[in-house]
Protein backbone atom coordinates (compact mmCIF):
# COMPACT_ATOMS: atom_id res chain seq x y z
CA UNK A 1 -25.87 61.33 16.73
CA UNK A 2 -29.21 60.39 15.23
CA UNK A 3 -31.42 57.88 17.01
CA UNK A 4 -34.72 56.39 15.96
CA UNK A 5 -37.38 55.08 18.30
CA UNK A 6 -40.80 53.48 18.19
CA UNK A 7 -43.49 54.23 20.73
CA UNK A 8 -45.63 51.87 22.71
CA UNK A 9 -48.71 53.28 24.33
CA UNK A 10 -48.66 53.52 28.06
CA UNK A 11 -50.74 54.80 30.93
CA UNK A 12 -51.92 58.30 31.66
CA UNK A 13 -49.73 60.12 34.13
CA UNK A 14 -51.23 60.07 37.63
CA UNK A 15 -49.64 63.48 38.26
CA UNK A 16 -50.52 65.42 35.09
CA UNK A 17 -53.27 63.21 33.61
CA UNK A 18 -51.40 63.47 30.31
CA UNK A 19 -50.81 60.51 28.00
CA UNK A 20 -47.40 58.87 28.27
CA UNK A 21 -45.50 56.39 26.12
CA UNK A 22 -42.88 53.72 26.47
CA UNK A 23 -40.08 53.09 24.02
CA UNK A 24 -40.62 49.97 21.94
CA UNK A 25 -37.24 50.05 20.21
CA UNK A 26 -34.34 52.49 20.22
CA UNK A 27 -31.63 52.31 17.57
CA UNK A 28 -28.82 54.36 16.12
CA UNK A 29 -30.02 55.58 12.75
CA UNK A 30 -28.51 53.98 9.68
CA UNK A 31 -25.94 56.17 7.99
CA UNK A 32 -24.07 55.81 4.74
CA UNK A 33 -21.92 52.70 4.94
CA UNK A 34 -23.08 51.75 8.45
CA UNK A 35 -26.00 49.81 9.79
CA UNK A 36 -27.81 51.19 12.81
CA UNK A 37 -27.55 49.11 15.94
CA UNK A 38 -30.29 48.40 18.44
CA UNK A 39 -29.48 50.14 21.73
CA UNK A 40 -32.80 49.52 23.49
CA UNK A 41 -30.94 47.77 26.29
CA UNK A 42 -29.32 51.06 27.34
CA UNK A 43 -32.57 52.59 28.62
CA UNK A 44 -35.34 51.49 30.95
CA UNK A 45 -38.09 50.52 28.50
CA UNK A 46 -40.65 50.32 31.31
CA UNK A 47 -40.36 54.06 31.99
CA UNK A 48 -43.37 56.18 30.99
CA UNK A 49 -42.12 59.19 29.03
CA UNK A 50 -44.27 62.30 28.83
CA UNK A 51 -42.67 63.61 25.64
CA UNK A 52 -39.99 62.98 23.04
CA UNK A 53 -38.12 65.90 24.62
CA UNK A 54 -37.92 63.98 27.91
CA UNK A 55 -36.58 60.95 26.04
CA UNK A 56 -34.06 63.20 24.26
CA UNK A 57 -32.65 64.53 27.56
CA UNK A 58 -32.66 61.09 29.17
CA UNK A 59 -30.77 59.59 26.23
CA UNK A 60 -28.18 62.39 26.21
CA UNK A 61 -27.60 61.91 29.94
CA UNK A 62 -27.43 58.12 29.65
CA UNK A 63 -24.87 58.27 26.81
CA UNK A 64 -22.84 61.10 28.35
CA UNK A 65 -23.50 63.40 25.39
CA UNK A 66 -24.40 67.05 25.20
CA UNK A 67 -28.13 67.39 24.48
CA UNK A 68 -27.29 69.28 21.28
CA UNK A 69 -25.37 66.26 20.01
CA UNK A 70 -28.45 64.03 20.14
CA UNK A 71 -31.20 63.99 17.52
CA UNK A 72 -34.29 61.82 17.85
CA UNK A 73 -36.65 60.69 15.13
CA UNK A 74 -39.80 58.71 15.75
CA UNK A 75 -40.44 55.86 13.32
CA UNK A 76 -43.73 54.09 13.09
CA UNK A 77 -43.79 50.30 13.27
CA UNK A 78 -44.92 48.70 10.05
């Protein structure tokens, strides 16, 4: 399953001092004949992610999917 997300800037991690981000919007990607639906409500949008890989694993766990079945693509807000 392909998902698209937009980032919102967030704080620096107090543990690693690395930049983090929050998810602005998360949606299933549009596929031929289907419109992608907003699924932002399925995750905690106040969580500060350290990487897209962390979001990938969190999303797979949340949806009960194997990590290999999830693909993420970042889209930039217009």
